[in-house]
């Protein structure tokens, strides 16, 4: 019990910055907007949070379960093999794995140090920040099942494309030594990759049960803070962002919609979970589905945590290659999704 209380306390300390941003927004709305519009923002935020709360709870339960069971133990088996099959397996694992952008850093370092080929690592690296089980649940709740499935398929496609493209570059003589010298000698960044099996019935182990409780609370707080922040922003977007302007620049009829979505996704992407309500708000005001998907995929791969994870470990040439793959892959999946939606309309 004391461990749980301490974890909750640490979680609140970690969300200070997010809480500060929420407080500043609430004060600004309360004193800067007319009363009717301030109440509209409050109603929109509270009703949106209430609507997505079942998905929020389910995603936190799933994340806590995977962590308590030790789902990361399957890593060693995923990267066994050669050729396109291991690239495809890495892309699938990255699309489904519960690792965040920061949590994947020691995993990637260990894989590189263990001699796992860069193409398979690149497939995992590109796909991992875009989608995970809790992200799928929240995307389903915020943007619908069709969009959640499309994003999952796009995640796998980008990972597979990145892995195969990296393999082609290596076959041509490139990326002979991708890892930075300081990363290669960092002992704390290289945990052992084990073939130990996960314990899916974690509740039989008291320490794993405790881990589940701690992770459920911390994940719930982490996701909740970002969703509240994003819903407040979305409420303002719905009220003040001209729908005609969004439709003109990011609608399906605009030739610049896809590249503009990718370009704006890079600096505007604060957090994968916060992006869901923001994109929902943009789509309500005229953003087309293809650019919305491109915005989310490009933003996830090039967000500050994901970019730092890459830059901290590999040489500049590999880092720039990662950014290029992210941009090209996002443009491609956005275009395919847009054509599909037009065909189905």
Protein backbone atom coordinates (compact mmCIF):
# COMPACT_ATOMS: atom_id res chain seq x y z
CA UNK A 1 0.00 0.00 0.00
CA UNK A 2 2.81 2.39 0.87
CA UNK A 3 4.43 1.68 -2.50
CA UNK A 4 1.20 2.58 -4.25
CA UNK A 5 0.87 5.84 -2.29
CA UNK A 6 4.47 6.78 -3.09
CA UNK A 7 3.90 6.01 -6.77
CA UNK A 8 0.81 8.21 -6.86
CA UNK A 9 2.79 10.99 -5.20
CA UNK A 10 5.55 10.65 -7.79
CA UNK A 11 2.95 10.68 -10.57
CA UNK A 12 1.51 13.96 -9.34
CA UNK A 13 4.99 15.47 -9.20
CA UNK A 14 5.62 14.33 -12.76
CA UNK A 15 2.46 15.96 -14.07
CA UNK A 16 3.21 19.35 -12.56
CA UNK A 17 4.00 20.88 -15.96
CA UNK A 18 0.84 19.53 -17.52
CA UNK A 19 -1.24 20.67 -14.55
CA UNK A 20 0.35 24.10 -14.78
CA UNK A 21 -0.60 24.32 -18.46
CA UNK A 22 -4.16 23.25 -17.67
CA UNK A 23 -4.42 25.79 -14.84
CA UNK A 24 -3.11 28.58 -17.07
CA UNK A 25 -5.62 27.66 -19.78
CA UNK A 26 -8.53 27.50 -17.32
CA UNK A 27 -7.63 30.88 -15.80
CA UNK A 28 -7.24 32.40 -19.25
CA UNK A 29 -10.61 31.08 -20.35
CA UNK A 30 -12.34 32.11 -17.12
CA UNK A 31 -11.06 35.69 -17.19
CA UNK A 32 -10.41 36.22 -20.90
CA UNK A 33 -13.56 34.89 -22.55
CA UNK A 34 -17.20 35.92 -22.24
CA UNK A 35 -19.04 33.86 -19.68
CA UNK A 36 -21.14 32.01 -22.25
CA UNK A 37 -18.08 30.92 -24.26
CA UNK A 38 -16.17 29.95 -21.11
CA UNK A 39 -19.09 27.74 -20.05
CA UNK A 40 -19.19 26.22 -23.54
CA UNK A 41 -15.50 25.33 -23.24
CA UNK A 42 -16.06 23.79 -19.80
CA UNK A 43 -19.05 21.79 -21.01
CA UNK A 44 -17.18 20.58 -24.11
CA UNK A 45 -14.14 19.51 -22.06
CA UNK A 46 -16.11 17.72 -19.35
CA UNK A 47 -18.48 15.95 -21.75
CA UNK A 48 -15.59 14.87 -24.00
CA UNK A 49 -13.64 13.52 -21.04
CA UNK A 50 -16.71 11.69 -19.77
CA UNK A 51 -17.32 10.19 -23.20
CA UNK A 52 -13.82 8.83 -23.55
CA UNK A 53 -13.45 7.75 -19.90
CA UNK A 54 -14.34 4.05 -20.56
CA UNK A 55 -11.62 3.91 -23.22
CA UNK A 56 -9.23 5.73 -20.89
CA UNK A 57 -9.80 3.19 -18.11
CA UNK A 58 -9.51 0.25 -20.50
CA UNK A 59 -6.26 1.52 -22.00
CA UNK A 60 -4.75 2.05 -18.53
CA UNK A 61 -5.80 -1.47 -17.51
CA UNK A 62 -4.23 -2.94 -20.64
CA UNK A 63 -0.98 -1.02 -20.19
CA UNK A 64 -0.73 -2.08 -16.55
CA UNK A 65 -1.45 -5.70 -17.45
CA UNK A 66 1.23 -5.84 -20.15
CA UNK A 67 3.75 -4.26 -17.81
CA UNK A 68 2.95 -6.58 -14.90
CA UNK A 69 3.04 -9.65 -17.12
CA UNK A 70 6.42 -8.66 -18.55
CA UNK A 71 5.35 -8.44 -22.19
CA UNK A 72 8.77 -7.01 -23.07
CA UNK A 73 10.22 -10.50 -22.56
CA UNK A 74 9.23 -11.45 -26.10
CA UNK A 75 11.77 -9.03 -27.59
CA UNK A 76 14.54 -11.60 -27.90
CA UNK A 77 12.41 -13.96 -29.95
CA UNK A 78 11.04 -11.25 -32.27
CA UNK A 79 14.47 -10.26 -33.57
CA UNK A 80 15.73 -13.79 -34.16
CA UNK A 81 16.16 -14.42 -37.88
CA UNK A 82 17.24 -12.67 -41.05
CA UNK A 83 15.85 -11.02 -44.15
CA UNK A 84 12.46 -9.52 -44.76
CA UNK A 85 10.69 -11.88 -42.33
CA UNK A 86 12.41 -10.42 -39.27
CA UNK A 87 11.78 -6.91 -40.66
CA UNK A 88 8.07 -7.70 -40.95
CA UNK A 89 8.05 -9.24 -37.46
CA UNK A 90 9.77 -6.15 -36.04
CA UNK A 91 7.25 -3.86 -37.74
CA UNK A 92 4.34 -5.87 -36.33
CA UNK A 93 5.90 -5.94 -32.86
CA UNK A 94 6.52 -2.19 -33.00
CA UNK A 95 2.90 -1.59 -34.00
CA UNK A 96 1.61 -3.60 -31.03
CA UNK A 97 4.27 -3.08 -28.37
CA UNK A 98 3.46 -1.03 -25.25
CA UNK A 99 6.75 0.90 -25.25
CA UNK A 100 6.83 4.71 -25.24
CA UNK A 101 9.36 6.82 -27.16
CA UNK A 102 11.65 7.15 -24.14
CA UNK A 103 11.24 3.58 -22.93
CA UNK A 104 12.39 2.21 -26.25
CA UNK A 105 15.86 3.84 -25.98
CA UNK A 106 17.56 1.13 -23.86
CA UNK A 107 15.86 -1.57 -25.92
CA UNK A 108 17.23 -0.17 -29.18
CA UNK A 109 20.69 0.29 -27.64
CA UNK A 110 20.68 -3.32 -26.48
CA UNK A 111 19.59 -4.57 -29.89
CA UNK A 112 22.27 -2.57 -31.69
CA UNK A 113 24.94 -3.67 -29.22
CA UNK A 114 23.81 -7.29 -29.61
CA UNK A 115 24.39 -7.09 -33.35
CA UNK A 116 20.76 -7.11 -34.50
CA UNK A 117 20.68 -5.81 -38.11
CA UNK A 118 19.75 -2.15 -38.50
CA UNK A 119 16.85 -2.81 -40.96
CA UNK A 120 14.91 -4.79 -38.35
CA UNK A 121 15.68 -2.19 -35.68
CA UNK A 122 14.57 0.63 -37.99
CA UNK A 123 11.27 -1.16 -38.66
CA UNK A 124 10.64 -1.41 -34.92
CA UNK A 125 11.91 2.10 -34.24
CA UNK A 126 9.62 3.76 -36.79
CA UNK A 127 6.49 1.87 -35.83
CA UNK A 128 6.84 1.86 -32.05
CA UNK A 129 6.09 5.58 -31.36
CA UNK A 130 2.99 5.66 -33.57
CA UNK A 131 0.78 2.97 -32.09
CA UNK A 132 0.44 0.79 -29.02
CA UNK A 133 -2.49 -1.07 -27.46
CA UNK A 134 -3.69 1.80 -25.28
CA UNK A 135 -3.27 4.24 -28.20
CA UNK A 136 -5.49 2.01 -30.33
CA UNK A 137 -8.22 2.01 -27.68
CA UNK A 138 -8.13 5.80 -27.26
CA UNK A 139 -8.01 6.36 -31.03
CA UNK A 140 -11.05 4.13 -31.37
CA UNK A 141 -12.83 6.17 -28.71
CA UNK A 142 -11.83 9.55 -30.12
CA UNK A 143 -11.72 9.04 -33.90
CA UNK A 144 -13.61 5.83 -34.56
CA UNK A 145 -12.77 2.22 -35.32
CA UNK A 146 -12.05 2.83 -39.02
CA UNK A 147 -9.42 5.45 -38.24
CA UNK A 148 -7.87 3.31 -35.48
CA UNK A 149 -7.54 0.34 -37.85
CA UNK A 150 -6.14 2.58 -40.60
CA UNK A 151 -3.55 4.00 -38.23
CA UNK A 152 -2.52 0.51 -37.11
CA UNK A 153 -2.11 -0.67 -40.71
CA UNK A 154 -0.24 2.54 -41.54
CA UNK A 155 2.09 1.94 -38.61
CA UNK A 156 2.98 -1.53 -39.86
CA UNK A 157 3.37 -0.27 -43.44
CA UNK A 158 5.75 2.54 -42.40
CA UNK A 159 7.83 0.13 -40.31
CA UNK A 160 8.03 -2.41 -43.12
CA UNK A 161 8.88 0.28 -45.68
CA UNK A 162 11.56 1.75 -43.43
CA UNK A 163 13.12 -1.62 -42.73
CA UNK A 164 13.24 -2.67 -46.39
CA UNK A 165 14.55 0.73 -47.51
CA UNK A 166 17.29 0.59 -44.86
CA UNK A 167 18.18 -2.91 -46.01
CA UNK A 168 18.59 -1.61 -49.57
CA UNK A 169 20.92 1.17 -48.38
CA UNK A 170 23.02 -1.31 -46.38
CA UNK A 171 23.25 -3.64 -49.40
CA UNK A 172 24.57 -0.65 -51.34
CA UNK A 173 27.32 -0.13 -48.74
CA UNK A 174 25.75 2.45 -46.40
CA UNK A 175 25.39 2.59 -42.61
CA UNK A 176 28.33 0.30 -41.88
CA UNK A 177 28.59 1.55 -38.28
CA UNK A 178 25.30 3.18 -37.21
CA UNK A 179 25.81 3.40 -33.43
CA UNK A 180 27.51 6.42 -31.86
CA UNK A 181 30.75 5.65 -30.04
CA UNK A 182 29.46 6.95 -26.69
CA UNK A 183 26.27 4.91 -27.02
CA UNK A 184 28.21 1.78 -27.88
CA UNK A 185 30.26 2.06 -24.67
CA UNK A 186 27.36 3.03 -22.39
CA UNK A 187 26.93 0.05 -20.07
CA UNK A 188 23.79 1.42 -18.44
CA UNK A 189 22.07 1.64 -21.83
CA UNK A 190 22.52 -2.03 -22.67
CA UNK A 191 20.26 -4.34 -20.69
CA UNK A 192 20.36 -8.04 -21.44
CA UNK A 193 17.88 -9.19 -24.07
CA UNK A 194 16.27 -12.25 -22.53
CA UNK A 195 14.16 -15.03 -23.97
CA UNK A 196 12.33 -15.31 -20.67
CA UNK A 197 8.60 -15.87 -21.15
CA UNK A 198 6.00 -13.37 -19.90
CA UNK A 199 3.87 -14.31 -16.88
CA UNK A 200 0.39 -13.66 -18.24
CA UNK A 201 -1.29 -14.81 -14.97
CA UNK A 202 0.59 -12.10 -13.07
CA UNK A 203 -1.92 -12.00 -10.18
CA UNK A 204 -0.36 -15.15 -8.74
CA UNK A 205 2.76 -13.13 -7.90
CA UNK A 206 2.34 -10.52 -5.17
CA UNK A 207 5.09 -8.24 -6.49
CA UNK A 208 3.56 -8.29 -9.98
CA UNK A 209 0.14 -7.46 -8.50
CA UNK A 210 1.71 -4.48 -6.78
CA UNK A 211 3.33 -3.42 -10.07
CA UNK A 212 -0.06 -3.67 -11.77
CA UNK A 213 -1.72 -1.37 -9.22
CA UNK A 214 1.09 1.17 -9.40
CA UNK A 215 1.17 1.21 -13.20
CA UNK A 216 -2.60 1.44 -13.53
CA UNK A 217 -2.76 4.56 -11.37
CA UNK A 218 0.27 6.22 -12.95
CA UNK A 219 -0.95 5.46 -16.50
CA UNK A 220 -4.43 6.73 -15.70
CA UNK A 221 -3.00 9.99 -14.37
CA UNK A 222 -0.59 10.34 -17.29
CA UNK A 223 -3.25 9.80 -19.96
CA UNK A 224 -5.86 11.80 -18.10
CA UNK A 225 -3.75 14.94 -17.79
CA UNK A 226 -2.97 15.02 -21.52
CA UNK A 227 -6.55 14.37 -22.53
CA UNK A 228 -7.86 17.18 -20.31
CA UNK A 229 -5.26 19.54 -21.79
CA UNK A 230 -6.13 18.45 -25.34
CA UNK A 231 -9.89 18.70 -24.84
CA UNK A 232 -9.52 22.28 -23.60
CA UNK A 233 -7.49 23.13 -26.71
CA UNK A 234 -10.04 21.35 -28.90
CA UNK A 235 -12.90 23.34 -27.34
CA UNK A 236 -11.14 26.55 -28.33
CA UNK A 237 -10.39 25.23 -31.83
CA UNK A 238 -14.03 24.36 -32.41
CA UNK A 239 -15.11 27.84 -31.32
CA UNK A 240 -12.45 30.01 -32.97
CA UNK A 241 -10.69 28.11 -35.76
CA UNK A 242 -12.46 29.00 -39.01
CA UNK A 243 -13.75 25.84 -40.63
CA UNK A 244 -13.36 27.39 -44.08
CA UNK A 245 -9.64 27.97 -43.53
CA UNK A 246 -9.01 24.40 -42.33
CA UNK A 247 -11.00 22.96 -45.25
CA UNK A 248 -9.13 25.19 -47.69
CA UNK A 249 -5.66 24.14 -46.55
CA UNK A 250 -6.16 20.64 -45.15
CA UNK A 251 -9.28 19.42 -46.93
CA UNK A 252 -9.26 16.62 -49.47
CA UNK A 253 -9.42 19.04 -52.41
CA UNK A 254 -6.22 20.86 -51.47
CA UNK A 255 -3.05 19.83 -53.32
CA UNK A 256 -1.00 20.99 -50.32
CA UNK A 257 -3.02 19.14 -47.65
CA UNK A 258 -0.75 16.11 -47.22
CA UNK A 259 2.67 17.83 -47.25
CA UNK A 260 1.30 20.62 -45.04
CA UNK A 261 -0.05 18.05 -42.57
CA UNK A 262 3.36 16.35 -42.38
CA UNK A 263 5.23 19.65 -42.00
CA UNK A 264 2.90 20.99 -39.31
CA UNK A 265 2.78 17.64 -37.54
CA UNK A 266 6.48 17.81 -36.69
CA UNK A 267 6.47 20.94 -34.45
CA UNK A 268 2.81 20.81 -33.39
CA UNK A 269 2.79 17.26 -32.03
CA UNK A 270 2.94 17.51 -28.24
CA UNK A 271 1.92 14.00 -27.23
CA UNK A 272 0.40 11.03 -29.03
CA UNK A 273 -2.57 10.86 -26.69
CA UNK A 274 -3.19 14.61 -26.76
CA UNK A 275 -3.11 14.52 -30.57
CA UNK A 276 -6.29 12.43 -30.71
CA UNK A 277 -8.70 15.18 -29.52
CA UNK A 278 -6.74 17.82 -31.47
CA UNK A 279 -7.08 15.88 -34.71
CA UNK A 280 -10.75 15.22 -33.93
CA UNK A 281 -11.26 18.96 -33.61
CA UNK A 282 -9.43 19.63 -36.89
CA UNK A 283 -11.50 17.01 -38.70
CA UNK A 284 -14.69 18.58 -37.37
CA UNK A 285 -13.62 21.87 -38.93
CA UNK A 286 -12.71 20.42 -42.32
CA UNK A 287 -9.45 18.47 -42.16
CA UNK A 288 -9.53 15.47 -44.51
CA UNK A 289 -8.86 11.93 -43.17
CA UNK A 290 -5.67 11.41 -45.21
CA UNK A 291 -3.90 14.54 -43.95
CA UNK A 292 -5.14 13.71 -40.42
CA UNK A 293 -3.45 10.31 -40.59
CA UNK A 294 -0.28 11.84 -42.08
CA UNK A 295 -0.23 14.45 -39.31
CA UNK A 296 -0.48 11.81 -36.59
CA UNK A 297 2.10 9.40 -38.00
CA UNK A 298 4.68 12.05 -38.90
CA UNK A 299 4.20 13.81 -35.58
CA UNK A 300 4.60 10.63 -33.56
CA UNK A 301 7.87 9.63 -35.24
CA UNK A 302 9.41 13.10 -35.14
CA UNK A 303 8.13 14.28 -31.75
CA UNK A 304 10.82 15.41 -29.34
CA UNK A 305 10.99 12.15 -27.30
CA UNK A 306 11.12 9.96 -30.41
CA UNK A 307 13.66 12.18 -32.17
CA UNK A 308 15.89 12.36 -29.09
CA UNK A 309 15.73 8.58 -28.80
CA UNK A 310 17.16 8.27 -32.31
CA UNK A 311 19.65 11.14 -32.09
CA UNK A 312 21.04 9.93 -28.77
CA UNK A 313 22.08 6.55 -30.13
CA UNK A 314 22.94 6.71 -33.82
CA UNK A 315 25.15 8.77 -36.08
CA UNK A 316 23.83 11.83 -37.90
CA UNK A 317 23.43 10.05 -41.24
CA UNK A 318 21.16 7.41 -39.66
CA UNK A 319 19.21 10.11 -37.82
CA UNK A 320 18.58 12.08 -41.03
CA UNK A 321 17.60 8.85 -42.76
CA UNK A 322 15.09 8.17 -39.98
CA UNK A 323 13.52 11.61 -40.49
CA UNK A 324 13.33 11.08 -44.26
CA UNK A 325 11.65 7.70 -43.82
CA UNK A 326 9.17 9.23 -41.38
CA UNK A 327 8.22 12.01 -43.81
CA UNK A 328 7.98 9.83 -46.92
CA UNK A 329 6.14 7.05 -45.09
CA UNK A 330 3.60 9.48 -43.63
CA UNK A 331 2.93 11.08 -47.01
CA UNK A 332 2.40 7.65 -48.55
CA UNK A 333 0.00 6.27 -45.94
CA UNK A 334 -1.91 9.56 -45.85
CA UNK A 335 -2.36 9.46 -49.62
CA UNK A 336 -3.50 5.83 -49.60
CA UNK A 337 -5.99 6.46 -46.79
CA UNK A 338 -7.36 9.54 -48.53
CA UNK A 339 -7.88 7.61 -51.77
CA UNK A 340 -9.58 4.82 -49.84
CA UNK A 341 -11.96 7.24 -48.13
CA UNK A 342 -12.79 8.91 -51.45
CA UNK A 343 -13.44 5.51 -53.02
CA UNK A 344 -15.73 4.47 -50.15
CA UNK A 345 -17.66 7.77 -50.17
